[in-house]
Amino acid sequence: MTAAESTAHLDATFAALADPTRRAILARLAQGEATVTELAAPFAMTLPAISKHLKVLERAGLITRGREAQWRPCRIDPAPLKEAADWVGAYRALWDARFDRLDAYLRQLEQEE
């Protein structure tokens, strides 16, 4: 995957995760597959509105939709979440190192007083 493709995947993932409804849908799908009707149940919105959220999640690669006769289950695909977590993790390591240096500096100042 090229750097541009990786950036595009991250952009799509973070854009999909920016909405609380989509995060709630992912949380539900983390428990197991569900239909659109089941996913819509907790929300005060129409099925077409839920379908739009699902399309965003699907385009981001965060969910897949199957087809089993009349049943179209949605399933979570954790791969894009891992990619986002890895990206955030790299920055977390950077900030942890900076906080460790700040902590050491503050301890040094306390000892000098």
Protein backbone atom coordinates (compact mmCIF):
# COMPACT_ATOMS: atom_id res chain seq x y z
CA MET A 1 0.00 0.00 0.00
CA THR A 2 1.38 3.40 -0.93
CA ALA A 3 1.59 6.29 1.51
CA ALA A 4 -1.24 8.05 -0.34
CA GLU A 5 -3.45 4.96 -0.11
CA SER A 6 -2.66 4.59 3.57
CA THR A 7 -3.53 8.24 4.17
CA ALA A 8 -6.80 7.85 2.25
CA HIS A 9 -7.72 4.79 4.34
CA LEU A 10 -6.98 6.65 7.57
CA ASP A 11 -8.98 9.66 6.38
CA ALA A 12 -11.98 7.46 5.60
CA THR A 13 -11.68 5.63 8.92
CA PHE A 14 -11.45 8.78 11.02
CA ALA A 15 -14.26 10.46 9.06
CA ALA A 16 -16.49 7.44 9.68
CA LEU A 17 -15.57 7.38 13.37
CA ALA A 18 -16.29 11.10 13.77
CA ASP A 19 -20.02 10.46 14.04
CA PRO A 20 -21.43 9.12 17.34
CA THR A 21 -24.15 7.13 15.58
CA ARG A 22 -21.57 5.28 13.50
CA ARG A 23 -19.45 4.62 16.59
CA ALA A 24 -22.53 3.19 18.33
CA ILE A 25 -23.24 0.99 15.31
CA LEU A 26 -19.66 -0.32 15.41
CA ALA A 27 -19.97 -0.98 19.15
CA ARG A 28 -23.11 -3.03 18.47
CA LEU A 29 -21.44 -4.94 15.64
CA ALA A 30 -18.47 -5.72 17.91
CA GLN A 31 -20.94 -7.96 19.79
CA GLY A 32 -21.89 -9.84 16.62
CA GLU A 33 -23.52 -9.43 13.24
CA ALA A 34 -26.87 -7.68 12.92
CA THR A 35 -29.40 -6.61 10.32
CA VAL A 36 -30.12 -3.01 9.39
CA THR A 37 -33.40 -3.19 11.32
CA GLU A 38 -31.60 -4.46 14.43
CA LEU A 39 -28.98 -1.74 14.11
CA ALA A 40 -31.64 0.94 13.69
CA ALA A 41 -33.67 -0.10 16.75
CA PRO A 42 -31.88 2.07 19.37
CA PHE A 43 -31.93 5.21 17.22
CA ALA A 44 -34.71 7.72 16.58
CA MET A 45 -34.04 7.82 12.85
CA THR A 46 -35.38 6.27 9.71
CA LEU A 47 -34.04 3.12 8.08
CA PRO A 48 -32.76 5.18 5.10
CA ALA A 49 -30.79 7.37 7.53
CA ILE A 50 -29.25 4.29 9.17
CA SER A 51 -28.47 2.92 5.69
CA LYS A 52 -26.54 6.11 4.90
CA HIS A 53 -24.46 5.62 8.04
CA LEU A 54 -23.84 2.01 7.06
CA LYS A 55 -22.69 3.08 3.59
CA VAL A 56 -20.12 5.42 5.16
CA LEU A 57 -18.87 2.60 7.38
CA GLU A 58 -18.79 0.23 4.43
CA ARG A 59 -16.85 2.67 2.22
CA ALA A 60 -14.33 3.08 5.03
CA GLY A 61 -13.97 -0.71 5.17
CA LEU A 62 -15.16 -0.83 8.77
CA ILE A 63 -18.09 -3.14 8.02
CA THR A 64 -19.08 -5.69 5.42
CA ARG A 65 -22.58 -6.68 4.41
CA GLY A 66 -23.44 -10.23 3.52
CA ARG A 67 -26.34 -11.74 1.70
CA GLU A 68 -27.97 -14.87 3.03
CA ALA A 69 -31.34 -15.33 1.31
CA GLN A 70 -33.52 -12.46 2.58
CA TRP A 71 -31.18 -11.70 5.46
CA ARG A 72 -28.40 -9.13 4.90
CA PRO A 73 -26.24 -9.22 8.01
CA CYS A 74 -23.68 -6.51 8.73
CA ARG A 75 -20.35 -7.51 10.24
CA ILE A 76 -17.53 -5.43 11.67
CA ASP A 77 -14.13 -5.56 9.96
CA PRO A 78 -11.51 -4.59 12.54
CA ALA A 79 -8.58 -4.15 10.12
CA PRO A 80 -9.10 -0.40 9.54
CA LEU A 81 -9.46 0.12 13.29
CA LYS A 82 -6.11 -1.58 13.84
CA GLU A 83 -4.52 0.66 11.20
CA ALA A 84 -5.93 3.74 12.98
CA ALA A 85 -4.82 2.44 16.39
CA ASP A 86 -1.31 1.81 15.06
CA TRP A 87 -1.17 5.36 13.68
CA VAL A 88 -2.34 6.85 16.98
CA GLY A 89 0.02 4.52 18.86
CA ALA A 90 3.04 6.00 17.10
CA TYR A 91 2.09 9.44 18.37
CA ARG A 92 1.31 8.09 21.81
CA ALA A 93 4.87 6.76 22.08
CA LEU A 94 6.17 10.21 21.15
CA TRP A 95 4.05 11.96 23.78
CA ASP A 96 4.85 9.35 26.45
CA ALA A 97 8.56 9.99 25.88
CA ARG A 98 8.02 13.75 26.15
CA PHE A 99 6.00 13.40 29.35
CA ASP A 100 8.70 11.14 30.81
CA ARG A 101 11.32 13.82 30.09
CA LEU A 102 9.10 16.51 31.62
CA ASP A 103 8.53 14.35 34.71
CA ALA A 104 12.27 13.82 35.11
CA TYR A 105 12.89 17.56 34.75
CA LEU A 106 10.25 18.41 37.37
CA ARG A 107 11.73 15.87 39.80
CA GLN A 108 15.16 17.46 39.22
CA LEU A 109 13.72 20.91 40.00
CA GLU A 110 12.12 19.61 43.20
CA GLN A 111 15.45 18.16 44.35
CA GLU A 112 17.25 21.44 43.68
CA GLU A 113 14.83 23.39 45.92
